[in-house]
């Protein structure tokens, strides 16, 4: 009777799996250059599609449609507030001048600039009238109260 043969190690592996398997499937093997599907994907141009670019332009347009009118309104309000503040400073300077020099209503203050820190600066071109003590100073024919309610002309 023949004695049994015991296989161990490499001999057993060779009998069990005679064809060596690849580590990856052929479609994913990077060492051989990959398959045709991989080459098609790598040749595909990278970038944005026309639809994606149009959507971005549309979103930017919507944001601008919201932002620009608000910006214009904010600029107009800022100019009006600057005019109102300057007119109020002139009024306070006229009152102080009248008290210091003992002037009465209807008199004009000869040196109003002494009571102002600097000459009034206006955000837009226009005409400024100091007016007499007891009368409101005006810019472009409107008093500070008028500028609060009517911002036309800015």
N, C-alpha and C. Protein backbone atom coordinates (compact mmCIF):
# COMPACT_ATOMS: atom_id res chain seq x y z
N UNK A 1 0.82 -1.16 0.00
CA UNK A 1 0.00 0.00 0.00
C UNK A 1 0.87 1.23 0.00
N UNK A 2 0.43 2.25 -0.74
CA UNK A 2 1.22 3.47 -0.87
C UNK A 2 0.96 4.37 0.33
N UNK A 3 1.98 5.05 0.69
CA UNK A 3 1.81 5.95 1.84
C UNK A 3 1.20 7.27 1.36
N UNK A 4 0.36 7.88 2.17
CA UNK A 4 -0.27 9.15 1.76
C UNK A 4 0.75 10.28 1.67
N UNK A 5 0.52 11.21 0.75
CA UNK A 5 1.42 12.35 0.55
C UNK A 5 0.74 13.58 1.15
N UNK A 6 1.46 14.23 2.00
CA UNK A 6 0.94 15.45 2.61
C UNK A 6 1.61 16.66 1.97
N UNK A 7 0.81 17.55 1.50
CA UNK A 7 1.32 18.77 0.88
C UNK A 7 1.19 19.94 1.85
N UNK A 8 2.22 20.70 1.91
CA UNK A 8 2.17 21.87 2.79
C UNK A 8 2.71 23.07 2.03
N UNK A 9 2.43 24.27 2.53
CA UNK A 9 3.00 25.52 2.01
C UNK A 9 2.65 25.84 0.59
N UNK A 10 3.67 26.09 -0.22
CA UNK A 10 3.48 26.56 -1.60
C UNK A 10 2.87 25.48 -2.49
N UNK A 11 3.23 24.27 -2.27
CA UNK A 11 2.69 23.20 -3.10
C UNK A 11 1.20 23.10 -2.94
N UNK A 12 0.70 23.23 -1.73
CA UNK A 12 -0.73 23.17 -1.48
C UNK A 12 -1.43 24.36 -2.12
N UNK A 13 -0.85 25.55 -2.04
CA UNK A 13 -1.46 26.72 -2.64
C UNK A 13 -1.50 26.60 -4.16
N UNK A 14 -0.45 26.05 -4.75
CA UNK A 14 -0.40 25.89 -6.20
C UNK A 14 -1.47 24.93 -6.69
N UNK A 15 -1.70 23.86 -5.95
CA UNK A 15 -2.75 22.92 -6.34
C UNK A 15 -4.14 23.51 -6.11
N UNK A 16 -4.27 24.20 -5.07
CA UNK A 16 -5.59 24.76 -4.72
C UNK A 16 -5.99 25.88 -5.68
N UNK A 17 -5.07 26.74 -6.08
CA UNK A 17 -5.35 27.86 -6.96
C UNK A 17 -4.25 27.94 -8.02
N UNK A 18 -4.36 27.19 -9.08
CA UNK A 18 -3.29 27.13 -10.06
C UNK A 18 -3.11 28.41 -10.87
N UNK A 19 -4.15 29.23 -11.04
CA UNK A 19 -4.05 30.47 -11.82
C UNK A 19 -3.95 31.63 -10.83
N UNK A 20 -2.86 32.35 -10.87
CA UNK A 20 -2.74 33.47 -9.92
C UNK A 20 -3.77 34.57 -10.25
N UNK A 21 -4.41 35.03 -9.23
CA UNK A 21 -5.42 36.11 -9.40
C UNK A 21 -4.73 37.48 -9.34
N UNK A 22 -5.33 38.42 -10.05
CA UNK A 22 -4.84 39.79 -9.98
C UNK A 22 -5.40 40.45 -8.72
N UNK A 23 -4.69 41.46 -8.29
CA UNK A 23 -5.12 42.16 -7.09
C UNK A 23 -6.40 42.95 -7.37
N UNK A 24 -6.51 43.54 -8.55
CA UNK A 24 -7.67 44.34 -8.92
C UNK A 24 -8.30 43.74 -10.16
N UNK A 25 -9.54 44.10 -10.39
CA UNK A 25 -10.21 43.70 -11.62
C UNK A 25 -9.55 44.43 -12.79
N UNK A 26 -9.61 43.90 -14.00
CA UNK A 26 -8.93 44.53 -15.14
C UNK A 26 -9.38 45.97 -15.39
N UNK A 27 -10.64 46.31 -15.09
CA UNK A 27 -11.13 47.67 -15.33
C UNK A 27 -10.45 48.67 -14.40
N UNK A 28 -9.93 48.20 -13.26
CA UNK A 28 -9.38 49.11 -12.28
C UNK A 28 -7.87 48.97 -12.13
N UNK A 29 -7.22 48.15 -12.95
CA UNK A 29 -5.79 47.91 -12.80
C UNK A 29 -5.03 49.14 -13.29
N UNK A 30 -4.35 49.80 -12.41
CA UNK A 30 -3.63 51.01 -12.76
C UNK A 30 -2.27 50.71 -13.37
N UNK A 31 -1.73 49.54 -13.08
CA UNK A 31 -0.41 49.21 -13.59
C UNK A 31 -0.42 49.00 -15.09
N UNK A 32 -1.50 48.48 -15.62
CA UNK A 32 -1.56 48.20 -17.06
C UNK A 32 -2.19 49.35 -17.84
N UNK A 33 -2.53 50.44 -17.18
CA UNK A 33 -3.10 51.57 -17.90
C UNK A 33 -4.60 51.61 -17.81
N UNK A 34 -5.26 50.67 -17.21
CA UNK A 34 -6.71 50.69 -17.06
C UNK A 34 -7.42 50.24 -18.30
N UNK A 35 -8.71 50.30 -18.26
CA UNK A 35 -9.52 49.85 -19.38
C UNK A 35 -9.92 51.03 -20.26
N UNK A 36 -10.70 50.75 -21.28
CA UNK A 36 -11.16 51.79 -22.18
C UNK A 36 -12.11 52.76 -21.47
N UNK A 37 -12.89 52.25 -20.51
CA UNK A 37 -13.80 53.13 -19.77
C UNK A 37 -13.03 54.17 -18.98
N UNK A 38 -11.93 53.77 -18.40
CA UNK A 38 -11.12 54.71 -17.63
C UNK A 38 -10.51 55.77 -18.55
N UNK A 39 -10.09 55.35 -19.75
CA UNK A 39 -9.51 56.31 -20.68
C UNK A 39 -10.55 57.31 -21.15
N UNK A 40 -11.78 56.88 -21.35
CA UNK A 40 -12.84 57.79 -21.76
C UNK A 40 -13.11 58.82 -20.68
N UNK A 41 -13.11 58.39 -19.44
CA UNK A 41 -13.36 59.33 -18.34
C UNK A 41 -12.21 60.32 -18.17
N UNK A 42 -11.00 59.88 -18.41
CA UNK A 42 -9.87 60.79 -18.24
C UNK A 42 -9.78 61.80 -19.38
N UNK A 43 -10.30 61.46 -20.56
CA UNK A 43 -10.29 62.37 -21.70
C UNK A 43 -11.43 63.37 -21.64
N UNK A 44 -12.38 63.17 -20.74
CA UNK A 44 -13.52 64.07 -20.63
C UNK A 44 -13.04 65.44 -20.17
N UNK A 45 -13.49 66.48 -20.83
CA UNK A 45 -13.07 67.84 -20.49
C UNK A 45 -13.65 68.24 -19.15
N UNK A 46 -12.81 68.89 -18.35
CA UNK A 46 -13.25 69.35 -17.05
C UNK A 46 -13.69 70.80 -17.16
N UNK A 47 -14.70 71.19 -16.40
CA UNK A 47 -15.18 72.57 -16.41
C UNK A 47 -16.65 72.61 -16.09
N UNK A 48 -17.22 73.82 -16.22
CA UNK A 48 -18.62 74.01 -15.91
C UNK A 48 -19.44 73.94 -17.19
N UNK A 49 -20.66 73.48 -17.06
CA UNK A 49 -21.56 73.45 -18.21
C UNK A 49 -22.19 74.82 -18.37
N UNK A 50 -22.78 75.03 -19.52
CA UNK A 50 -23.43 76.30 -19.81
C UNK A 50 -24.57 76.55 -18.83
N UNK A 51 -25.31 75.53 -18.50
CA UNK A 51 -26.44 75.67 -17.58
C UNK A 51 -25.95 76.12 -16.20
N UNK A 52 -24.85 75.53 -15.73
CA UNK A 52 -24.31 75.92 -14.42
C UNK A 52 -23.88 77.38 -14.41
N UNK A 53 -23.24 77.81 -15.48
CA UNK A 53 -22.80 79.20 -15.56
C UNK A 53 -24.00 80.14 -15.62
N UNK A 54 -25.04 79.76 -16.36
CA UNK A 54 -26.23 80.59 -16.45
C UNK A 54 -26.93 80.71 -15.09
N UNK A 55 -26.94 79.64 -14.33
CA UNK A 55 -27.55 79.68 -13.00
C UNK A 55 -26.79 80.63 -12.10
N UNK A 56 -25.47 80.59 -12.15
CA UNK A 56 -24.66 81.50 -11.33
C UNK A 56 -24.91 82.95 -11.73
N UNK A 57 -24.98 83.22 -13.03
CA UNK A 57 -25.24 84.58 -13.50
C UNK A 57 -26.63 85.04 -13.05
N UNK A 58 -27.60 84.15 -13.08
CA UNK A 58 -28.95 84.48 -12.64
C UNK A 58 -28.97 84.82 -11.15
N UNK A 59 -28.28 84.06 -10.35
CA UNK A 59 -28.23 84.32 -8.90
C UNK A 59 -27.55 85.67 -8.63
N UNK A 60 -26.47 85.94 -9.33
CA UNK A 60 -25.79 87.24 -9.15
C UNK A 60 -26.72 88.38 -9.56
N UNK A 61 -27.46 88.20 -10.63
CA UNK A 61 -28.41 89.22 -11.07
C UNK A 61 -29.50 89.48 -10.05
N UNK A 62 -30.01 88.43 -9.44
CA UNK A 62 -31.05 88.59 -8.41
C UNK A 62 -30.48 89.34 -7.21
N UNK A 63 -29.27 88.98 -6.79
CA UNK A 63 -28.66 89.67 -5.66
C UNK A 63 -28.43 91.15 -5.96
N UNK A 64 -28.00 91.46 -7.18
CA UNK A 64 -27.81 92.86 -7.56
C UNK A 64 -29.13 93.61 -7.61
N UNK A 65 -30.19 92.95 -8.07
CA UNK A 65 -31.51 93.60 -8.13
C UNK A 65 -32.00 93.96 -6.73
N UNK A 66 -31.58 93.20 -5.75
CA UNK A 66 -31.97 93.50 -4.36
C UNK A 66 -31.04 94.56 -3.77
N UNK A 67 -29.75 94.46 -4.03
CA UNK A 67 -28.77 95.30 -3.35
C UNK A 67 -28.70 96.73 -3.90
N UNK A 68 -28.79 96.92 -5.20
CA UNK A 68 -28.59 98.25 -5.78
C UNK A 68 -29.64 99.26 -5.31
N UNK A 69 -30.94 98.94 -5.33
CA UNK A 69 -31.91 99.93 -4.82
C UNK A 69 -31.69 100.26 -3.34
N UNK A 70 -31.32 99.26 -2.54
CA UNK A 70 -31.05 99.53 -1.13
C UNK A 70 -29.83 100.43 -0.97
N UNK A 71 -28.83 100.24 -1.80
CA UNK A 71 -27.64 101.08 -1.74
C UNK A 71 -27.98 102.53 -2.10
N UNK A 72 -28.79 102.72 -3.12
CA UNK A 72 -29.17 104.06 -3.54
C UNK A 72 -29.98 104.75 -2.44
N UNK A 73 -30.90 104.02 -1.83
CA UNK A 73 -31.71 104.57 -0.74
C UNK A 73 -30.83 104.94 0.46
N UNK A 74 -29.88 104.08 0.78
CA UNK A 74 -28.98 104.36 1.91
C UNK A 74 -28.13 105.59 1.63
N UNK A 75 -27.67 105.76 0.41
CA UNK A 75 -26.87 106.93 0.07
C UNK A 75 -27.70 108.21 0.16
N UNK A 76 -28.93 108.16 -0.30
CA UNK A 76 -29.82 109.32 -0.22
C UNK A 76 -30.10 109.69 1.23
N UNK A 77 -30.39 108.68 2.05
CA UNK A 77 -30.65 108.94 3.47
C UNK A 77 -29.42 109.51 4.16
N UNK A 78 -28.25 109.02 3.80
CA UNK A 78 -27.01 109.52 4.39
C UNK A 78 -26.79 110.98 4.05
N UNK A 79 -27.02 111.35 2.82
CA UNK A 79 -26.86 112.75 2.42
C UNK A 79 -27.86 113.65 3.14
N UNK A 80 -29.11 113.19 3.24
CA UNK A 80 -30.13 113.99 3.92
C UNK A 80 -29.77 114.16 5.40
N UNK A 81 -29.30 113.11 6.04
CA UNK A 81 -28.91 113.21 7.46
C UNK A 81 -27.73 114.16 7.64
N UNK A 82 -26.81 114.16 6.71
CA UNK A 82 -25.68 115.08 6.77
C UNK A 82 -26.14 116.53 6.66
N UNK A 83 -27.07 116.80 5.76
CA UNK A 83 -27.61 118.15 5.60
C UNK A 83 -28.35 118.58 6.87
N UNK A 84 -29.17 117.69 7.40
CA UNK A 84 -29.94 118.00 8.61
C UNK A 84 -29.00 118.31 9.78
N UNK A 85 -27.96 117.49 9.96
CA UNK A 85 -27.02 117.71 11.06
C UNK A 85 -26.29 119.04 10.90
N UNK A 86 -25.90 119.39 9.69
CA UNK A 86 -25.19 120.65 9.46
C UNK A 86 -26.11 121.83 9.72
N UNK A 87 -27.37 121.75 9.27
CA UNK A 87 -28.32 122.83 9.52
C UNK A 87 -28.57 122.99 11.02
N UNK A 88 -28.64 121.89 11.75
CA UNK A 88 -28.84 121.97 13.21
C UNK A 88 -27.63 122.60 13.90
N UNK A 89 -26.43 122.33 13.40
CA UNK A 89 -25.23 122.96 13.97
C UNK A 89 -25.24 124.48 13.72
N UNK A 90 -25.66 124.87 12.54
CA UNK A 90 -25.74 126.30 12.23
C UNK A 90 -26.77 126.97 13.13
N UNK A 91 -27.91 126.32 13.34
CA UNK A 91 -28.95 126.87 14.22
C UNK A 91 -28.42 127.05 15.65
N UNK A 92 -27.71 126.04 16.15
CA UNK A 92 -27.13 126.14 17.50
C UNK A 92 -26.09 127.26 17.57
N UNK A 93 -25.29 127.42 16.52
CA UNK A 93 -24.28 128.49 16.50
C UNK A 93 -24.95 129.86 16.47
N UNK A 94 -26.04 129.99 15.71
CA UNK A 94 -26.77 131.26 15.68
C UNK A 94 -27.35 131.59 17.05
N UNK A 95 -27.92 130.60 17.72
CA UNK A 95 -28.48 130.83 19.05
C UNK A 95 -27.39 131.25 20.04
N UNK A 96 -26.26 130.58 19.99
CA UNK A 96 -25.17 130.92 20.90
C UNK A 96 -24.64 132.32 20.61
N UNK A 97 -24.52 132.67 19.35
CA UNK A 97 -24.05 134.01 18.95
C UNK A 97 -25.03 135.07 19.46
N UNK A 98 -26.31 134.80 19.32
CA UNK A 98 -27.33 135.75 19.78
C UNK A 98 -27.27 135.94 21.28
N UNK A 99 -27.06 134.88 22.04
CA UNK A 99 -26.99 135.00 23.50
C UNK A 99 -25.72 135.73 23.92
N UNK A 100 -24.60 135.40 23.31
CA UNK A 100 -23.32 136.02 23.67
C UNK A 100 -23.31 137.53 23.37
N UNK A 101 -23.88 137.92 22.24
CA UNK A 101 -23.79 139.31 21.80
C UNK A 101 -25.06 140.11 22.11
N UNK A 102 -26.04 139.47 22.74
CA UNK A 102 -27.27 140.17 23.12
C UNK A 102 -28.12 140.55 21.93
N UNK A 103 -28.14 139.73 20.91
CA UNK A 103 -28.94 140.02 19.71
C UNK A 103 -30.37 139.52 19.91
N UNK A 104 -31.28 140.07 19.17
CA UNK A 104 -32.68 139.68 19.27
C UNK A 104 -33.12 139.04 17.96
N UNK A 105 -34.35 138.55 17.95
CA UNK A 105 -34.90 137.90 16.76
C UNK A 105 -34.89 138.88 15.59
N UNK A 106 -34.41 138.41 14.48
CA UNK A 106 -34.34 139.23 13.27
C UNK A 106 -32.97 139.81 13.03
N UNK A 107 -32.12 139.85 14.06
CA UNK A 107 -30.76 140.33 13.87
C UNK A 107 -29.91 139.22 13.25
N UNK A 108 -28.89 139.61 12.53
CA UNK A 108 -28.00 138.60 11.96
C UNK A 108 -26.70 138.55 12.77
N UNK A 109 -26.13 137.39 12.84
CA UNK A 109 -24.88 137.19 13.58
C UNK A 109 -23.72 137.53 12.66
N UNK A 110 -22.89 138.52 13.00
CA UNK A 110 -21.82 138.94 12.09
C UNK A 110 -20.67 137.94 11.96
N UNK A 111 -20.42 137.17 13.00
CA UNK A 111 -19.28 136.24 12.94
C UNK A 111 -19.70 134.83 13.35
N UNK A 112 -20.56 134.25 12.56
CA UNK A 112 -21.09 132.90 12.86
C UNK A 112 -20.01 131.84 12.84
N UNK A 113 -18.97 132.04 12.02
CA UNK A 113 -17.91 131.02 11.92
C UNK A 113 -17.12 130.87 13.22
N UNK A 114 -17.15 131.88 14.08
CA UNK A 114 -16.49 131.77 15.37
C UNK A 114 -17.17 130.69 16.21
N UNK A 115 -18.47 130.54 16.04
CA UNK A 115 -19.24 129.59 16.84
C UNK A 115 -19.35 128.20 16.20
N UNK A 116 -18.85 128.10 15.01
CA UNK A 116 -18.79 126.79 14.33
C UNK A 116 -17.36 126.28 14.37
N UNK A 117 -17.17 124.98 14.45
CA UNK A 117 -15.81 124.42 14.45
C UNK A 117 -15.13 124.64 13.11
N UNK A 118 -15.89 124.54 12.04
CA UNK A 118 -15.35 124.76 10.70
C UNK A 118 -16.47 125.24 9.80
N UNK A 119 -16.11 125.65 8.63
CA UNK A 119 -17.13 126.09 7.67
C UNK A 119 -17.99 124.89 7.29
N UNK A 120 -19.29 125.09 7.18
CA UNK A 120 -20.17 123.95 6.86
C UNK A 120 -19.81 123.32 5.52
N UNK A 121 -19.79 121.99 5.50
CA UNK A 121 -19.55 121.23 4.27
C UNK A 121 -20.83 120.50 3.91
N UNK A 122 -21.17 120.53 2.64
CA UNK A 122 -22.42 119.94 2.19
C UNK A 122 -22.13 118.75 1.28
N UNK A 123 -22.96 117.71 1.34
CA UNK A 123 -22.72 116.52 0.51
C UNK A 123 -23.03 116.72 -0.96
N UNK A 124 -23.81 117.75 -1.27
CA UNK A 124 -24.13 118.05 -2.67
C UNK A 124 -23.97 119.55 -2.90
N UNK A 125 -23.93 119.95 -4.15
CA UNK A 125 -23.85 121.37 -4.49
C UNK A 125 -25.21 122.01 -4.23
N UNK A 126 -25.17 123.19 -3.67
CA UNK A 126 -26.43 123.88 -3.42
C UNK A 126 -26.18 125.24 -2.80
N UNK A 127 -27.27 125.92 -2.46
CA UNK A 127 -27.16 127.24 -1.87
C UNK A 127 -27.56 127.15 -0.40
N UNK A 128 -26.75 127.78 0.43
CA UNK A 128 -26.98 127.80 1.87
C UNK A 128 -27.29 129.22 2.29
N UNK A 129 -28.36 129.38 3.07
CA UNK A 129 -28.70 130.68 3.62
C UNK A 129 -28.76 130.56 5.13
N UNK A 130 -27.92 131.33 5.77
CA UNK A 130 -27.82 131.28 7.23
C UNK A 130 -29.08 131.79 7.90
N UNK A 131 -29.60 132.86 7.39
CA UNK A 131 -30.81 133.45 7.96
C UNK A 131 -30.51 134.22 9.23
N UNK A 132 -31.49 134.97 9.65
CA UNK A 132 -31.35 135.79 10.86
C UNK A 132 -31.64 134.93 12.09
N UNK A 133 -31.32 135.48 13.26
CA UNK A 133 -31.60 134.77 14.50
C UNK A 133 -33.12 134.66 14.65
N UNK A 134 -33.57 133.47 14.99
CA UNK A 134 -35.00 133.22 15.13
C UNK A 134 -35.63 132.67 13.86
N UNK A 135 -34.89 132.68 12.76
CA UNK A 135 -35.39 132.08 11.51
C UNK A 135 -34.51 130.87 11.19
N UNK A 136 -35.09 129.92 10.51
CA UNK A 136 -34.38 128.67 10.23
C UNK A 136 -33.38 128.85 9.09
N UNK A 137 -32.23 128.23 9.25
CA UNK A 137 -31.26 128.20 8.16
C UNK A 137 -31.77 127.24 7.09
N UNK A 138 -31.43 127.53 5.85
CA UNK A 138 -31.92 126.68 4.77
C UNK A 138 -30.77 126.25 3.86
N UNK A 139 -30.98 125.10 3.26
CA UNK A 139 -30.07 124.60 2.22
C UNK A 139 -30.95 124.22 1.04
N UNK A 140 -30.68 124.81 -0.09
CA UNK A 140 -31.49 124.66 -1.30
C UNK A 140 -32.96 124.98 -1.03
N UNK A 141 -33.19 125.97 -0.16
CA UNK A 141 -34.54 126.43 0.11
C UNK A 141 -35.33 125.57 1.10
N UNK A 142 -34.71 124.58 1.72
CA UNK A 142 -35.41 123.71 2.67
C UNK A 142 -34.76 123.79 4.04
N UNK A 143 -35.59 123.79 5.07
CA UNK A 143 -35.09 123.77 6.43
C UNK A 143 -34.77 122.33 6.84
N UNK A 144 -34.22 122.16 8.03
CA UNK A 144 -33.89 120.81 8.52
C UNK A 144 -35.15 119.95 8.62
N UNK A 145 -36.25 120.55 9.06
CA UNK A 145 -37.51 119.80 9.15
C UNK A 145 -38.01 119.36 7.79
N UNK A 146 -37.83 120.22 6.77
CA UNK A 146 -38.24 119.86 5.42
C UNK A 146 -37.41 118.70 4.87
N UNK A 147 -36.10 118.70 5.19
CA UNK A 147 -35.23 117.64 4.69
C UNK A 147 -35.59 116.29 5.31
N UNK A 148 -36.14 116.31 6.53
CA UNK A 148 -36.53 115.05 7.17
C UNK A 148 -37.66 114.37 6.43
N UNK A 149 -38.58 115.18 5.91
CA UNK A 149 -39.75 114.61 5.24
C UNK A 149 -39.61 114.52 3.73
N UNK A 150 -38.88 115.44 3.13
CA UNK A 150 -38.76 115.48 1.67
C UNK A 150 -37.28 115.41 1.28
N UNK A 151 -36.87 114.27 0.76
CA UNK A 151 -35.47 114.07 0.38
C UNK A 151 -35.24 114.25 -1.11
N UNK A 152 -36.20 114.85 -1.78
CA UNK A 152 -36.01 115.05 -3.23
C UNK A 152 -34.93 116.11 -3.45
N UNK A 153 -34.25 116.00 -4.53
CA UNK A 153 -33.17 116.93 -4.83
C UNK A 153 -31.81 116.42 -4.43
N UNK A 154 -31.74 115.17 -3.97
CA UNK A 154 -30.44 114.63 -3.58
C UNK A 154 -29.88 113.80 -4.71
